[in-house]
Amino acid sequence: MRAQPTTNSPIIGTLHHGVKVKVIRQHGAWREIVFHQKHVWVYSAYLKALR
């Protein structure tokens, strides 16, 4: 997880496999999520859509 949707932004945390999150918005290949009440960015290749 990063503070901004870029690889130049510092890593601020890690999502573990199987953790469910809600995507708030997208910016290119990045997705903004809320994790522990903070808005953070995750590269979309690390996420899997659930139905």
N, C-alpha and C. Protein backbone atom coordinates (compact mmCIF):
# COMPACT_ATOMS: atom_id res chain seq x y z
N MET A 1 0.85 -1.16 0.00
CA MET A 1 0.00 0.00 0.00
C MET A 1 0.90 1.23 0.00
N ARG A 2 0.41 2.25 -0.71
CA ARG A 2 1.18 3.49 -0.80
C ARG A 2 0.27 4.68 -0.53
N ALA A 3 0.87 5.79 -0.17
CA ALA A 3 0.11 7.00 0.13
C ALA A 3 -0.44 7.65 -1.13
N GLN A 4 0.25 7.49 -2.25
CA GLN A 4 -0.16 8.08 -3.53
C GLN A 4 -0.09 7.01 -4.61
N PRO A 5 -0.80 7.21 -5.73
CA PRO A 5 -0.81 6.20 -6.79
C PRO A 5 0.41 6.24 -7.70
N THR A 6 1.57 6.01 -7.12
CA THR A 6 2.82 6.00 -7.87
C THR A 6 3.86 5.15 -7.13
N THR A 7 4.76 4.54 -7.86
CA THR A 7 5.81 3.75 -7.22
C THR A 7 6.84 4.64 -6.52
N ASN A 8 6.80 5.93 -6.77
CA ASN A 8 7.69 6.86 -6.07
C ASN A 8 7.20 7.19 -4.67
N SER A 9 5.95 6.87 -4.38
CA SER A 9 5.38 7.11 -3.06
C SER A 9 5.87 6.02 -2.10
N PRO A 10 6.16 6.37 -0.86
CA PRO A 10 6.66 5.36 0.08
C PRO A 10 5.62 4.27 0.36
N ILE A 11 6.10 3.07 0.59
CA ILE A 11 5.24 1.96 1.01
C ILE A 11 4.83 2.21 2.45
N ILE A 12 3.53 2.16 2.70
CA ILE A 12 3.04 2.45 4.06
C ILE A 12 2.39 1.25 4.72
N GLY A 13 2.35 0.13 4.03
CA GLY A 13 1.76 -1.07 4.61
C GLY A 13 1.66 -2.17 3.58
N THR A 14 1.19 -3.34 4.03
CA THR A 14 1.06 -4.51 3.18
C THR A 14 -0.29 -5.15 3.42
N LEU A 15 -0.95 -5.54 2.34
CA LEU A 15 -2.18 -6.32 2.45
C LEU A 15 -1.82 -7.79 2.44
N HIS A 16 -2.45 -8.55 3.29
CA HIS A 16 -2.23 -10.00 3.32
C HIS A 16 -3.24 -10.69 2.42
N HIS A 17 -2.86 -11.82 1.88
CA HIS A 17 -3.72 -12.61 1.00
C HIS A 17 -5.06 -12.91 1.68
N GLY A 18 -6.14 -12.68 0.96
CA GLY A 18 -7.47 -12.98 1.47
C GLY A 18 -8.17 -11.84 2.18
N VAL A 19 -7.48 -10.74 2.42
CA VAL A 19 -8.10 -9.59 3.07
C VAL A 19 -9.06 -8.93 2.08
N LYS A 20 -10.29 -8.66 2.52
CA LYS A 20 -11.28 -8.02 1.66
C LYS A 20 -11.25 -6.52 1.87
N VAL A 21 -11.22 -5.78 0.76
CA VAL A 21 -11.22 -4.33 0.81
C VAL A 21 -12.22 -3.80 -0.20
N LYS A 22 -12.63 -2.57 -0.04
CA LYS A 22 -13.54 -1.93 -0.97
C LYS A 22 -12.78 -0.86 -1.75
N VAL A 23 -12.86 -0.92 -3.07
CA VAL A 23 -12.21 0.07 -3.91
C VAL A 23 -13.08 1.33 -3.94
N ILE A 24 -12.47 2.48 -3.64
CA ILE A 24 -13.16 3.75 -3.61
C ILE A 24 -13.13 4.43 -4.98
N ARG A 25 -11.95 4.41 -5.59
CA ARG A 25 -11.80 5.00 -6.93
C ARG A 25 -10.55 4.45 -7.58
N GLN A 26 -10.38 4.78 -8.84
CA GLN A 26 -9.19 4.31 -9.55
C GLN A 26 -8.48 5.48 -10.23
N HIS A 27 -7.20 5.28 -10.43
CA HIS A 27 -6.35 6.25 -11.12
C HIS A 27 -5.38 5.42 -11.95
N GLY A 28 -5.68 5.28 -13.24
CA GLY A 28 -4.87 4.40 -14.08
C GLY A 28 -4.97 2.98 -13.56
N ALA A 29 -3.84 2.35 -13.33
CA ALA A 29 -3.82 0.97 -12.83
C ALA A 29 -3.83 0.90 -11.30
N TRP A 30 -3.99 2.02 -10.63
CA TRP A 30 -4.00 2.06 -9.17
C TRP A 30 -5.43 2.13 -8.65
N ARG A 31 -5.65 1.55 -7.46
CA ARG A 31 -6.96 1.57 -6.82
C ARG A 31 -6.82 2.15 -5.42
N GLU A 32 -7.71 3.09 -5.11
CA GLU A 32 -7.74 3.66 -3.77
C GLU A 32 -8.69 2.83 -2.91
N ILE A 33 -8.23 2.46 -1.73
CA ILE A 33 -9.04 1.68 -0.81
C ILE A 33 -9.00 2.34 0.57
N VAL A 34 -9.90 1.92 1.43
CA VAL A 34 -9.86 2.35 2.83
C VAL A 34 -9.39 1.14 3.63
N PHE A 35 -8.30 1.31 4.35
CA PHE A 35 -7.72 0.24 5.14
C PHE A 35 -7.38 0.79 6.52
N HIS A 36 -7.98 0.23 7.55
CA HIS A 36 -7.81 0.73 8.92
C HIS A 36 -8.10 2.22 8.99
N GLN A 37 -9.18 2.61 8.36
CA GLN A 37 -9.70 3.99 8.37
C GLN A 37 -8.77 4.99 7.69
N LYS A 38 -7.87 4.51 6.82
CA LYS A 38 -6.99 5.40 6.06
C LYS A 38 -7.18 5.13 4.58
N HIS A 39 -7.15 6.18 3.78
CA HIS A 39 -7.21 6.03 2.33
C HIS A 39 -5.80 5.77 1.81
N VAL A 40 -5.64 4.63 1.15
CA VAL A 40 -4.33 4.24 0.63
C VAL A 40 -4.51 3.73 -0.81
N TRP A 41 -3.40 3.56 -1.52
CA TRP A 41 -3.42 3.13 -2.91
C TRP A 41 -2.73 1.78 -3.05
N VAL A 42 -3.32 0.92 -3.91
CA VAL A 42 -2.78 -0.40 -4.18
C VAL A 42 -2.76 -0.59 -5.70
N TYR A 43 -1.69 -1.17 -6.23
CA TYR A 43 -1.63 -1.46 -7.65
C TYR A 43 -2.63 -2.56 -7.97
N SER A 44 -3.41 -2.37 -9.02
CA SER A 44 -4.54 -3.26 -9.31
C SER A 44 -4.14 -4.71 -9.54
N ALA A 45 -2.93 -4.98 -9.99
CA ALA A 45 -2.49 -6.36 -10.21
C ALA A 45 -2.47 -7.18 -8.92
N TYR A 46 -2.45 -6.50 -7.77
CA TYR A 46 -2.42 -7.18 -6.48
C TYR A 46 -3.82 -7.43 -5.92
N LEU A 47 -4.85 -6.97 -6.64
CA LEU A 47 -6.22 -7.14 -6.18
C LEU A 47 -6.98 -8.11 -7.07
N LYS A 48 -7.98 -8.75 -6.50
CA LYS A 48 -8.84 -9.67 -7.25
C LYS A 48 -10.28 -9.30 -6.94
N ALA A 49 -11.08 -9.10 -8.00
CA ALA A 49 -12.48 -8.73 -7.81
C ALA A 49 -13.29 -9.91 -7.32
N LEU A 50 -14.18 -9.62 -6.36
CA LEU A 50 -15.11 -10.64 -5.85
C LEU A 50 -16.51 -10.28 -6.32
N ARG A 51 -17.32 -11.27 -6.43
CA ARG A 51 -18.71 -11.03 -6.86
C ARG A 51 -19.67 -11.34 -5.76
